[in-house]
Amino acid sequence: MDTNILAGQINFVLEADKLKTIVRNTLLTDRSRLENAAEHSWHVALTAMVFFDSASAEGMDLHRILKMLLVHDLVEIDSGDLLCYHTDQISAQKEKERKAAERIFGMLTGGQGDKMRQLWQEFEALETPESRFANAVDRLQPLLQAIRTDGQTWRQHGIRKDQVVQRMQPIRTALPHLWGYVLEMIDNAAEAGNLVKS
């Protein structure tokens, strides 16, 4: 193997370890601490495996979805995590993530970095059945954590019910059999005072 390619792969794998230090705004279900982005990536990949057989789109590539989910948050090594409801900061965050993708995926040579960057771009674009499904489970997983922790993060940030419903829209199309359940959970959270009623 080319020593430059090998060096890039080793450096990339070591760089990816930094994802374990990126703290998200999602509380673990035992309420002991906030999760890190690497834990989220693993958990959402597992969530995808669990719900894959009941997805609305047929003929999807689970392997591609899992790869997408494993790389989708690597950009947070440079950009950090942004609470998804801070919509006023999204465009600045997107630019940070774009630069991060260039740097982080650029560590890999021989086309490997380009393939990973393409997976990240596909996830962000929400244009393929695989990316829509990946986004659906990426939103379902923290929703379940928020419900289990009585909306502690939602209450802390004053999140409204309509914001959560809007954020969960990919579930409606990619996992339609869960949509009613998701809406019921959100309604119950609002009734319990864990979300601001909108």
N, C-alpha and C. Protein backbone atom coordinates (compact mmCIF):
# COMPACT_ATOMS: atom_id res chain seq x y z
N MET A 1 0.84 -1.19 0.00
CA MET A 1 0.00 0.00 0.00
C MET A 1 0.88 1.25 0.00
N ASP A 2 0.42 2.25 -0.72
CA ASP A 2 1.11 3.54 -0.76
C ASP A 2 1.18 4.14 0.65
N THR A 3 2.38 4.53 1.07
CA THR A 3 2.54 5.04 2.44
C THR A 3 1.82 6.35 2.66
N ASN A 4 1.65 7.17 1.62
CA ASN A 4 0.90 8.42 1.77
C ASN A 4 -0.58 8.15 2.01
N ILE A 5 -1.13 7.17 1.29
CA ILE A 5 -2.53 6.80 1.50
C ILE A 5 -2.72 6.27 2.91
N LEU A 6 -1.83 5.39 3.34
CA LEU A 6 -1.91 4.81 4.68
C LEU A 6 -1.79 5.89 5.75
N ALA A 7 -0.87 6.82 5.59
CA ALA A 7 -0.71 7.90 6.56
C ALA A 7 -1.98 8.74 6.65
N GLY A 8 -2.59 9.01 5.48
CA GLY A 8 -3.84 9.77 5.47
C GLY A 8 -4.96 9.03 6.18
N GLN A 9 -5.05 7.73 5.97
CA GLN A 9 -6.09 6.93 6.62
C GLN A 9 -5.92 6.92 8.13
N ILE A 10 -4.68 6.74 8.57
CA ILE A 10 -4.42 6.72 10.02
C ILE A 10 -4.73 8.09 10.62
N ASN A 11 -4.29 9.15 9.95
CA ASN A 11 -4.57 10.50 10.46
C ASN A 11 -6.07 10.79 10.49
N PHE A 12 -6.80 10.32 9.48
CA PHE A 12 -8.25 10.52 9.44
C PHE A 12 -8.93 9.79 10.60
N VAL A 13 -8.54 8.54 10.82
CA VAL A 13 -9.15 7.75 11.90
C VAL A 13 -8.86 8.41 13.26
N LEU A 14 -7.65 8.91 13.44
CA LEU A 14 -7.33 9.60 14.69
C LEU A 14 -8.10 10.91 14.80
N GLU A 15 -8.27 11.61 13.70
CA GLU A 15 -9.04 12.86 13.70
C GLU A 15 -10.50 12.58 14.06
N ALA A 16 -11.04 11.49 13.52
CA ALA A 16 -12.43 11.12 13.80
C ALA A 16 -12.66 10.88 15.29
N ASP A 17 -11.62 10.49 16.00
CA ASP A 17 -11.73 10.27 17.45
C ASP A 17 -12.18 11.54 18.17
N LYS A 18 -11.90 12.70 17.58
CA LYS A 18 -12.29 13.97 18.20
C LYS A 18 -13.81 14.14 18.28
N LEU A 19 -14.55 13.36 17.47
CA LEU A 19 -16.01 13.46 17.52
C LEU A 19 -16.53 13.08 18.91
N LYS A 20 -15.75 12.27 19.62
CA LYS A 20 -16.14 11.87 20.98
C LYS A 20 -16.12 13.04 21.95
N THR A 21 -15.46 14.14 21.58
CA THR A 21 -15.36 15.31 22.47
C THR A 21 -16.40 16.37 22.17
N ILE A 22 -17.18 16.18 21.10
CA ILE A 22 -18.18 17.17 20.71
C ILE A 22 -19.47 16.87 21.47
N VAL A 23 -19.81 17.75 22.40
CA VAL A 23 -20.98 17.56 23.25
C VAL A 23 -22.22 18.12 22.54
N ARG A 24 -23.24 17.29 22.46
CA ARG A 24 -24.50 17.69 21.83
C ARG A 24 -25.46 18.27 22.88
N ASN A 25 -26.58 18.78 22.39
CA ASN A 25 -27.60 19.34 23.27
C ASN A 25 -28.65 18.31 23.65
N THR A 26 -28.29 17.04 23.59
CA THR A 26 -29.23 15.95 23.87
C THR A 26 -28.81 15.21 25.12
N LEU A 27 -29.74 15.12 26.05
CA LEU A 27 -29.49 14.46 27.32
C LEU A 27 -29.63 12.94 27.15
N LEU A 28 -28.71 12.19 27.76
CA LEU A 28 -28.87 10.74 27.78
C LEU A 28 -30.16 10.38 28.51
N THR A 29 -30.73 9.24 28.18
CA THR A 29 -32.02 8.89 28.78
C THR A 29 -31.93 8.67 30.29
N ASP A 30 -30.73 8.39 30.81
CA ASP A 30 -30.62 8.26 32.26
C ASP A 30 -30.38 9.61 32.94
N ARG A 31 -30.33 10.68 32.13
CA ARG A 31 -30.19 12.07 32.58
C ARG A 31 -28.86 12.37 33.25
N SER A 32 -27.88 11.49 33.09
CA SER A 32 -26.60 11.67 33.78
C SER A 32 -25.72 12.73 33.13
N ARG A 33 -25.87 12.92 31.82
CA ARG A 33 -25.04 13.89 31.10
C ARG A 33 -25.56 14.05 29.69
N LEU A 34 -24.98 15.02 28.98
CA LEU A 34 -25.28 15.19 27.57
C LEU A 34 -24.49 14.16 26.75
N GLU A 35 -25.05 13.73 25.64
CA GLU A 35 -24.35 12.77 24.80
C GLU A 35 -23.30 13.48 23.95
N ASN A 36 -22.34 12.71 23.46
CA ASN A 36 -21.39 13.29 22.51
C ASN A 36 -21.78 12.86 21.09
N ALA A 37 -21.18 13.52 20.11
CA ALA A 37 -21.59 13.30 18.72
C ALA A 37 -21.25 11.90 18.22
N ALA A 38 -20.18 11.30 18.73
CA ALA A 38 -19.84 9.93 18.32
C ALA A 38 -20.88 8.94 18.84
N GLU A 39 -21.34 9.14 20.07
CA GLU A 39 -22.39 8.28 20.62
C GLU A 39 -23.67 8.43 19.79
N HIS A 40 -23.97 9.66 19.41
CA HIS A 40 -25.15 9.90 18.58
C HIS A 40 -25.03 9.15 17.25
N SER A 41 -23.86 9.24 16.62
CA SER A 41 -23.68 8.59 15.31
C SER A 41 -23.90 7.08 15.41
N TRP A 42 -23.35 6.47 16.46
CA TRP A 42 -23.57 5.04 16.66
C TRP A 42 -25.05 4.75 16.90
N HIS A 43 -25.67 5.54 17.77
CA HIS A 43 -27.05 5.26 18.16
C HIS A 43 -28.01 5.44 16.99
N VAL A 44 -27.77 6.46 16.18
CA VAL A 44 -28.67 6.69 15.05
C VAL A 44 -28.46 5.63 13.97
N ALA A 45 -27.23 5.12 13.82
CA ALA A 45 -27.00 4.02 12.87
C ALA A 45 -27.74 2.77 13.33
N LEU A 46 -27.72 2.49 14.62
CA LEU A 46 -28.46 1.36 15.16
C LEU A 46 -29.97 1.56 14.98
N THR A 47 -30.44 2.78 15.20
CA THR A 47 -31.86 3.11 15.00
C THR A 47 -32.25 2.85 13.55
N ALA A 48 -31.38 3.20 12.61
CA ALA A 48 -31.66 2.94 11.19
C ALA A 48 -31.81 1.45 10.92
N MET A 49 -30.96 0.64 11.52
CA MET A 49 -31.06 -0.81 11.34
C MET A 49 -32.40 -1.33 11.86
N VAL A 50 -32.83 -0.80 12.99
CA VAL A 50 -34.08 -1.26 13.62
C VAL A 50 -35.29 -0.94 12.75
N PHE A 51 -35.32 0.28 12.18
CA PHE A 51 -36.51 0.72 11.45
C PHE A 51 -36.42 0.54 9.93
N PHE A 52 -35.31 0.01 9.45
CA PHE A 52 -35.11 -0.09 8.00
C PHE A 52 -36.20 -0.91 7.31
N ASP A 53 -36.58 -2.03 7.88
CA ASP A 53 -37.55 -2.91 7.22
C ASP A 53 -38.93 -2.30 7.10
N SER A 54 -39.21 -1.27 7.88
CA SER A 54 -40.53 -0.64 7.81
C SER A 54 -40.49 0.71 7.11
N ALA A 55 -39.42 1.00 6.39
CA ALA A 55 -39.29 2.27 5.66
C ALA A 55 -40.28 2.31 4.51
N SER A 56 -40.67 3.51 4.12
CA SER A 56 -41.68 3.66 3.06
C SER A 56 -41.10 3.42 1.66
N ALA A 57 -39.83 3.69 1.45
CA ALA A 57 -39.22 3.52 0.12
C ALA A 57 -38.62 2.14 -0.01
N GLU A 58 -38.97 1.47 -1.09
CA GLU A 58 -38.43 0.13 -1.34
C GLU A 58 -37.13 0.24 -2.12
N GLY A 59 -36.29 -0.77 -2.00
CA GLY A 59 -35.07 -0.83 -2.78
C GLY A 59 -33.94 0.04 -2.26
N MET A 60 -34.07 0.52 -1.04
CA MET A 60 -33.00 1.35 -0.48
C MET A 60 -31.81 0.50 -0.09
N ASP A 61 -30.65 1.13 -0.03
CA ASP A 61 -29.39 0.48 0.29
C ASP A 61 -29.05 0.77 1.75
N LEU A 62 -29.26 -0.20 2.64
CA LEU A 62 -28.99 -0.01 4.06
C LEU A 62 -27.52 0.28 4.31
N HIS A 63 -26.66 -0.39 3.58
CA HIS A 63 -25.22 -0.16 3.75
C HIS A 63 -24.88 1.31 3.48
N ARG A 64 -25.45 1.88 2.44
CA ARG A 64 -25.22 3.29 2.12
C ARG A 64 -25.76 4.20 3.23
N ILE A 65 -26.93 3.86 3.76
CA ILE A 65 -27.53 4.65 4.84
C ILE A 65 -26.62 4.63 6.07
N LEU A 66 -26.12 3.46 6.42
CA LEU A 66 -25.26 3.35 7.60
C LEU A 66 -23.97 4.14 7.41
N LYS A 67 -23.39 4.07 6.21
CA LYS A 67 -22.18 4.86 5.95
C LYS A 67 -22.48 6.36 6.07
N MET A 68 -23.62 6.76 5.53
CA MET A 68 -24.03 8.16 5.60
C MET A 68 -24.15 8.62 7.05
N LEU A 69 -24.78 7.80 7.87
CA LEU A 69 -24.99 8.17 9.27
C LEU A 69 -23.68 8.18 10.06
N LEU A 70 -22.75 7.33 9.68
CA LEU A 70 -21.47 7.30 10.40
C LEU A 70 -20.58 8.49 10.06
N VAL A 71 -20.80 9.11 8.90
CA VAL A 71 -19.97 10.27 8.54
C VAL A 71 -20.70 11.60 8.68
N HIS A 72 -22.02 11.60 8.86
CA HIS A 72 -22.78 12.85 8.73
C HIS A 72 -22.42 13.92 9.73
N ASP A 73 -21.93 13.56 10.89
CA ASP A 73 -21.60 14.57 11.90
C ASP A 73 -20.10 14.78 12.08
N LEU A 74 -19.26 14.16 11.25
CA LEU A 74 -17.83 14.37 11.39
C LEU A 74 -17.44 15.83 11.26
N VAL A 75 -18.22 16.59 10.50
CA VAL A 75 -17.91 18.02 10.33
C VAL A 75 -18.00 18.79 11.65
N GLU A 76 -18.71 18.23 12.62
CA GLU A 76 -18.85 18.91 13.91
C GLU A 76 -17.53 18.95 14.69
N ILE A 77 -16.54 18.19 14.25
CA ILE A 77 -15.21 18.27 14.86
C ILE A 77 -14.72 19.71 14.77
N ASP A 78 -14.98 20.37 13.65
CA ASP A 78 -14.58 21.76 13.46
C ASP A 78 -15.70 22.75 13.78
N SER A 79 -16.92 22.41 13.39
CA SER A 79 -18.02 23.38 13.51
C SER A 79 -18.72 23.36 14.86
N GLY A 80 -18.56 22.27 15.61
CA GLY A 80 -19.31 22.13 16.86
C GLY A 80 -20.76 21.76 16.57
N ASP A 81 -21.51 21.51 17.62
CA ASP A 81 -22.93 21.16 17.49
C ASP A 81 -23.76 22.41 17.67
N LEU A 82 -24.74 22.58 16.84
CA LEU A 82 -25.67 23.70 16.95
C LEU A 82 -27.05 23.13 17.28
N LEU A 83 -27.69 23.69 18.30
CA LEU A 83 -29.06 23.27 18.60
C LEU A 83 -29.90 23.52 17.36
N CYS A 84 -30.56 22.48 16.86
CA CYS A 84 -31.26 22.55 15.57
C CYS A 84 -32.35 23.61 15.54
N TYR A 85 -32.82 24.07 16.69
CA TYR A 85 -33.89 25.06 16.73
C TYR A 85 -33.37 26.49 16.68
N HIS A 86 -32.06 26.68 16.67
CA HIS A 86 -31.46 28.02 16.54
C HIS A 86 -31.36 28.36 15.05
N THR A 87 -32.50 28.58 14.43
CA THR A 87 -32.55 28.76 12.98
C THR A 87 -31.82 30.01 12.50
N ASP A 88 -31.66 31.00 13.36
CA ASP A 88 -30.96 32.22 12.97
C ASP A 88 -29.47 31.99 12.75
N GLN A 89 -28.95 30.88 13.23
CA GLN A 89 -27.52 30.60 13.12
C GLN A 89 -27.20 29.52 12.08
N ILE A 90 -28.22 29.03 11.40
CA ILE A 90 -28.02 27.88 10.50
C ILE A 90 -27.13 28.20 9.32
N SER A 91 -27.29 29.36 8.67
CA SER A 91 -26.48 29.63 7.48
C SER A 91 -25.00 29.75 7.84
N ALA A 92 -24.67 30.38 8.97
CA ALA A 92 -23.27 30.46 9.41
C ALA A 92 -22.74 29.06 9.74
N GLN A 93 -23.59 28.23 10.35
CA GLN A 93 -23.19 26.86 10.69
C GLN A 93 -22.92 26.04 9.43
N LYS A 94 -23.77 26.22 8.42
CA LYS A 94 -23.59 25.47 7.16
C LYS A 94 -22.24 25.81 6.52
N GLU A 95 -21.84 27.07 6.58
CA GLU A 95 -20.55 27.46 6.00
C GLU A 95 -19.40 26.84 6.80
N LYS A 96 -19.51 26.82 8.12
CA LYS A 96 -18.49 26.17 8.94
C LYS A 96 -18.39 24.69 8.61
N GLU A 97 -19.55 24.05 8.42
CA GLU A 97 -19.57 22.62 8.10
C GLU A 97 -18.97 22.34 6.73
N ARG A 98 -19.23 23.22 5.76
CA ARG A 98 -18.66 23.05 4.42
C ARG A 98 -17.13 23.07 4.48
N LYS A 99 -16.60 24.05 5.20
CA LYS A 99 -15.14 24.15 5.34
C LYS A 99 -14.59 22.94 6.10
N ALA A 100 -15.33 22.50 7.10
CA ALA A 100 -14.90 21.33 7.87
C ALA A 100 -14.88 20.09 6.99
N ALA A 101 -15.86 19.94 6.12
CA ALA A 101 -15.91 18.78 5.22
C ALA A 101 -14.70 18.78 4.30
N GLU A 102 -14.34 19.93 3.78
CA GLU A 102 -13.16 20.02 2.92
C GLU A 102 -11.90 19.57 3.66
N ARG A 103 -11.73 20.05 4.88
CA ARG A 103 -10.53 19.73 5.64
C ARG A 103 -10.50 18.26 6.08
N ILE A 104 -11.59 17.82 6.70
CA ILE A 104 -11.61 16.48 7.31
C ILE A 104 -11.60 15.38 6.26
N PHE A 105 -12.49 15.47 5.28
CA PHE A 105 -12.52 14.44 4.24
C PHE A 105 -11.31 14.56 3.32
N GLY A 106 -10.74 15.75 3.26
CA GLY A 106 -9.54 15.96 2.46
C GLY A 106 -8.31 15.26 3.01
N MET A 107 -8.39 14.77 4.23
CA MET A 107 -7.28 14.03 4.81
C MET A 107 -7.08 12.69 4.12
N LEU A 108 -8.15 12.18 3.51
CA LEU A 108 -8.10 10.89 2.83
C LEU A 108 -7.81 11.10 1.35
N THR A 109 -6.91 10.30 0.81
CA THR A 109 -6.56 10.41 -0.61
C THR A 109 -7.06 9.18 -1.36
N GLY A 110 -6.76 9.14 -2.64
CA GLY A 110 -7.13 7.97 -3.45
C GLY A 110 -8.62 7.84 -3.66
N GLY A 111 -9.35 8.93 -3.57
CA GLY A 111 -10.79 8.91 -3.80
C GLY A 111 -11.62 8.61 -2.58
N GLN A 112 -11.00 8.12 -1.51
CA GLN A 112 -11.76 7.76 -0.31
C GLN A 112 -12.43 8.99 0.32
N GLY A 113 -11.68 10.08 0.40
CA GLY A 113 -12.23 11.30 0.97
C GLY A 113 -13.38 11.86 0.16
N ASP A 114 -13.26 11.79 -1.18
CA ASP A 114 -14.34 12.27 -2.06
C ASP A 114 -15.61 11.46 -1.84
N LYS A 115 -15.46 10.15 -1.67
CA LYS A 115 -16.63 9.29 -1.44
C LYS A 115 -17.32 9.65 -0.13
N MET A 116 -16.54 9.90 0.91
CA MET A 116 -17.14 10.26 2.20
C MET A 116 -17.79 11.64 2.13
N ARG A 117 -17.14 12.57 1.44
CA ARG A 117 -17.73 13.91 1.29
C ARG A 117 -19.05 13.81 0.53
N GLN A 118 -19.09 12.95 -0.49
CA GLN A 118 -20.33 12.77 -1.25
C GLN A 118 -21.44 12.20 -0.38
N LEU A 119 -21.11 11.29 0.53
CA LEU A 119 -22.11 10.76 1.46
C LEU A 119 -22.64 11.87 2.36
N TRP A 120 -21.73 12.71 2.85
CA TRP A 120 -22.14 13.84 3.70
C TRP A 120 -23.04 14.79 2.92
N GLN A 121 -22.67 15.10 1.69
CA GLN A 121 -23.47 16.00 0.87
C GLN A 121 -24.84 15.40 0.56
N GLU A 122 -24.88 14.10 0.30
CA GLU A 122 -26.15 13.43 0.04
C GLU A 122 -27.06 13.52 1.26
N PHE A 123 -26.50 13.29 2.45
CA PHE A 123 -27.28 13.39 3.67
C PHE A 123 -27.87 14.80 3.80
N GLU A 124 -27.05 15.80 3.58
CA GLU A 124 -27.47 17.19 3.74
C GLU A 124 -28.54 17.59 2.72
N ALA A 125 -28.46 17.06 1.51
CA ALA A 125 -29.36 17.48 0.43
C ALA A 125 -30.78 16.92 0.57
N LEU A 126 -30.96 15.79 1.24
CA LEU A 126 -32.28 15.18 1.42
C LEU A 126 -33.00 14.91 0.10
N GLU A 127 -32.25 14.48 -0.91
CA GLU A 127 -32.85 14.28 -2.23
C GLU A 127 -33.03 12.81 -2.60
N THR A 128 -32.32 11.91 -1.96
CA THR A 128 -32.44 10.49 -2.29
C THR A 128 -33.28 9.79 -1.21
N PRO A 129 -33.88 8.65 -1.54
CA PRO A 129 -34.62 7.92 -0.51
C PRO A 129 -33.75 7.58 0.69
N GLU A 130 -32.48 7.22 0.43
CA GLU A 130 -31.56 6.88 1.52
C GLU A 130 -31.31 8.09 2.43
N SER A 131 -31.12 9.26 1.83
CA SER A 131 -30.86 10.44 2.66
C SER A 131 -32.10 10.87 3.43
N ARG A 132 -33.26 10.72 2.83
CA ARG A 132 -34.50 11.07 3.56
C ARG A 132 -34.71 10.12 4.73
N PHE A 133 -34.44 8.83 4.53
CA PHE A 133 -34.55 7.88 5.63
C PHE A 133 -33.51 8.17 6.70
N ALA A 134 -32.27 8.44 6.30
CA ALA A 134 -31.21 8.75 7.27
C ALA A 134 -31.57 9.98 8.10
N ASN A 135 -32.12 11.00 7.45
CA ASN A 135 -32.54 12.19 8.18
C ASN A 135 -33.70 11.90 9.12
N ALA A 136 -34.60 11.03 8.69
CA ALA A 136 -35.74 10.69 9.55
C ALA A 136 -35.27 10.04 10.85
N VAL A 137 -34.37 9.07 10.75
CA VAL A 137 -33.91 8.42 11.99
C VAL A 137 -32.99 9.34 12.78
N ASP A 138 -32.29 10.25 12.09
CA ASP A 138 -31.44 11.23 12.77
C ASP A 138 -32.28 12.19 13.61
N ARG A 139 -33.52 12.36 13.26
CA ARG A 139 -34.42 13.23 14.03
C ARG A 139 -35.24 12.45 15.04
N LEU A 140 -35.55 11.20 14.70
CA LEU A 140 -36.31 10.35 15.62
C LEU A 140 -35.52 10.06 16.90
N GLN A 141 -34.24 9.71 16.75
CA GLN A 141 -33.43 9.29 17.90
C GLN A 141 -33.38 10.36 18.99
N PRO A 142 -33.05 11.64 18.68
CA PRO A 142 -33.05 12.64 19.76
C PRO A 142 -34.45 12.98 20.27
N LEU A 143 -35.47 12.83 19.42
CA LEU A 143 -36.84 13.04 19.88
C LEU A 143 -37.16 12.05 20.99
N LEU A 144 -36.83 10.78 20.77
CA LEU A 144 -37.10 9.76 21.78
C LEU A 144 -36.36 10.07 23.08
N GLN A 145 -35.12 10.57 22.95
CA GLN A 145 -34.37 10.94 24.15
C GLN A 145 -35.03 12.11 24.87
N ALA A 146 -35.49 13.09 24.11
CA ALA A 146 -36.15 14.25 24.72
C ALA A 146 -37.44 13.84 25.43
N ILE A 147 -38.19 12.95 24.81
CA ILE A 147 -39.43 12.47 25.44
C ILE A 147 -39.10 11.73 26.73
N ARG A 148 -38.10 10.86 26.69
CA ARG A 148 -37.74 10.05 27.86
C ARG A 148 -37.22 10.91 29.02
N THR A 149 -36.65 12.09 28.70
CA THR A 149 -36.09 12.97 29.74
C THR A 149 -37.04 14.13 30.07
N ASP A 150 -38.33 13.94 29.76
CA ASP A 150 -39.36 14.95 30.03
C ASP A 150 -39.01 16.31 29.44
N GLY A 151 -38.40 16.29 28.26
CA GLY A 151 -38.13 17.52 27.54
C GLY A 151 -37.22 18.50 28.25
N GLN A 152 -36.30 17.99 29.03
CA GLN A 152 -35.44 18.88 29.81
C GLN A 152 -34.72 19.90 28.92
N THR A 153 -34.17 19.45 27.81
CA THR A 153 -33.48 20.37 26.90
C THR A 153 -34.47 21.31 26.24
N TRP A 154 -35.64 20.81 25.85
CA TRP A 154 -36.67 21.68 25.27
C TRP A 154 -37.05 22.77 26.26
N ARG A 155 -37.30 22.38 27.50
CA ARG A 155 -37.70 23.37 28.51
C ARG A 155 -36.59 24.39 28.75
N GLN A 156 -35.37 23.92 28.78
CA GLN A 156 -34.22 24.80 29.01
C GLN A 156 -34.12 25.88 27.93
N HIS A 157 -34.45 25.53 26.69
CA HIS A 157 -34.31 26.46 25.57
C HIS A 157 -35.65 27.06 25.11
N GLY A 158 -36.74 26.76 25.80
CA GLY A 158 -38.04 27.33 25.44
C GLY A 158 -38.53 26.90 24.07
N ILE A 159 -38.34 25.65 23.73
CA ILE A 159 -38.71 25.14 22.41
C ILE A 159 -40.23 24.97 22.33
N ARG A 160 -40.78 25.38 21.19
CA ARG A 160 -42.22 25.30 20.97
C ARG A 160 -42.62 24.00 20.27
N LYS A 161 -43.84 23.60 20.50
CA LYS A 161 -44.38 22.40 19.87
C LYS A 161 -44.30 22.46 18.35
N ASP A 162 -44.66 23.59 17.75
CA ASP A 162 -44.64 23.70 16.29
C ASP A 162 -43.22 23.55 15.73
N GLN A 163 -42.21 23.99 16.48
CA GLN A 163 -40.83 23.82 16.05
C GLN A 163 -40.46 22.33 15.96
N VAL A 164 -40.90 21.58 16.96
CA VAL A 164 -40.58 20.15 16.99
C VAL A 164 -41.32 19.42 15.88
N VAL A 165 -42.59 19.75 15.67
CA VAL A 165 -43.36 19.12 14.59
C VAL A 165 -42.68 19.40 13.25
N GLN A 166 -42.26 20.63 13.02
CA GLN A 166 -41.59 20.97 11.77
C GLN A 166 -40.28 20.20 11.61
N ARG A 167 -39.52 20.09 12.68
CA ARG A 167 -38.23 19.39 12.65
C ARG A 167 -38.41 17.91 12.33
N MET A 168 -39.52 17.33 12.71
CA MET A 168 -39.76 15.90 12.54
C MET A 168 -40.34 15.54 11.17
N GLN A 169 -40.55 16.50 10.28
CA GLN A 169 -41.20 16.24 9.00
C GLN A 169 -40.59 15.11 8.17
N PRO A 170 -39.27 14.91 8.17
CA PRO A 170 -38.74 13.77 7.38
C PRO A 170 -39.31 12.42 7.81
N ILE A 171 -39.72 12.31 9.06
CA ILE A 171 -40.32 11.06 9.54
C ILE A 171 -41.64 10.81 8.83
N ARG A 172 -42.37 11.87 8.56
CA ARG A 172 -43.68 11.76 7.93
C ARG A 172 -43.61 11.02 6.60
N THR A 173 -42.57 11.29 5.82
CA THR A 173 -42.47 10.65 4.50
C THR A 173 -41.65 9.37 4.51
N ALA A 174 -40.58 9.33 5.29
CA ALA A 174 -39.70 8.16 5.27
C ALA A 174 -40.18 7.02 6.16
N LEU A 175 -40.86 7.37 7.25
CA LEU A 175 -41.39 6.37 8.19
C LEU A 175 -42.84 6.73 8.53
N PRO A 176 -43.72 6.76 7.53
CA PRO A 176 -45.09 7.26 7.76
C PRO A 176 -45.86 6.49 8.81
N HIS A 177 -45.55 5.22 9.01
CA HIS A 177 -46.27 4.45 10.03
C HIS A 177 -45.96 4.94 11.44
N LEU A 178 -44.88 5.71 11.60
CA LEU A 178 -44.53 6.26 12.91
C LEU A 178 -45.08 7.67 13.13
N TRP A 179 -45.58 8.31 12.07
CA TRP A 179 -45.94 9.72 12.16
C TRP A 179 -47.01 9.99 13.22
N GLY A 180 -48.04 9.17 13.26
CA GLY A 180 -49.09 9.36 14.27
C GLY A 180 -48.54 9.22 15.68
N TYR A 181 -47.67 8.26 15.87
CA TYR A 181 -47.03 8.04 17.17
C TYR A 181 -46.16 9.24 17.56
N VAL A 182 -45.42 9.76 16.58
CA VAL A 182 -44.57 10.93 16.83
C VAL A 182 -45.42 12.13 17.23
N LEU A 183 -46.50 12.37 16.50
CA LEU A 183 -47.38 13.50 16.83
C LEU A 183 -48.00 13.34 18.21
N GLU A 184 -48.38 12.12 18.55
CA GLU A 184 -48.95 11.86 19.87
C GLU A 184 -47.94 12.14 20.97
N MET A 185 -46.69 11.72 20.77
CA MET A 185 -45.65 11.99 21.76
C MET A 185 -45.44 13.50 21.93
N ILE A 186 -45.43 14.22 20.81
CA ILE A 186 -45.23 15.67 20.87
C ILE A 186 -46.40 16.35 21.56
N ASP A 187 -47.63 15.93 21.22
CA ASP A 187 -48.83 16.48 21.88
C ASP A 187 -48.77 16.25 23.39
N ASN A 188 -48.43 15.04 23.78
CA ASN A 188 -48.35 14.71 25.21
C ASN A 188 -47.28 15.54 25.91
N ALA A 189 -46.15 15.76 25.22
CA ALA A 189 -45.07 16.58 25.81
C ALA A 189 -45.54 18.01 26.02
N ALA A 190 -46.30 18.54 25.06
CA ALA A 190 -46.83 19.91 25.20
C ALA A 190 -47.83 19.98 26.34
N GLU A 191 -48.71 18.97 26.42
CA GLU A 191 -49.71 18.94 27.50
C GLU A 191 -49.05 18.85 28.86
N ALA A 192 -47.92 18.16 28.94
CA ALA A 192 -47.19 18.01 30.21
C ALA A 192 -46.35 19.24 30.54
N GLY A 193 -46.32 20.21 29.64
CA GLY A 193 -45.53 21.41 29.87
C GLY A 193 -44.06 21.28 29.51
N ASN A 194 -43.73 20.22 28.75
CA ASN A 194 -42.33 20.01 28.36
C ASN A 194 -41.98 20.74 27.06
N LEU A 195 -43.00 21.23 26.38
CA LEU A 195 -42.84 22.07 25.19
C LEU A 195 -43.77 23.26 25.34
N VAL A 196 -43.37 24.38 24.79
CA VAL A 196 -44.27 25.55 24.78
C VAL A 196 -45.34 25.27 23.76
N LYS A 197 -46.60 25.41 24.17
CA LYS A 197 -47.72 25.18 23.24
C LYS A 197 -47.71 26.30 22.19
N SER A 198 -47.90 25.90 20.94
CA SER A 198 -47.87 26.90 19.86
C SER A 198 -49.24 27.09 19.26
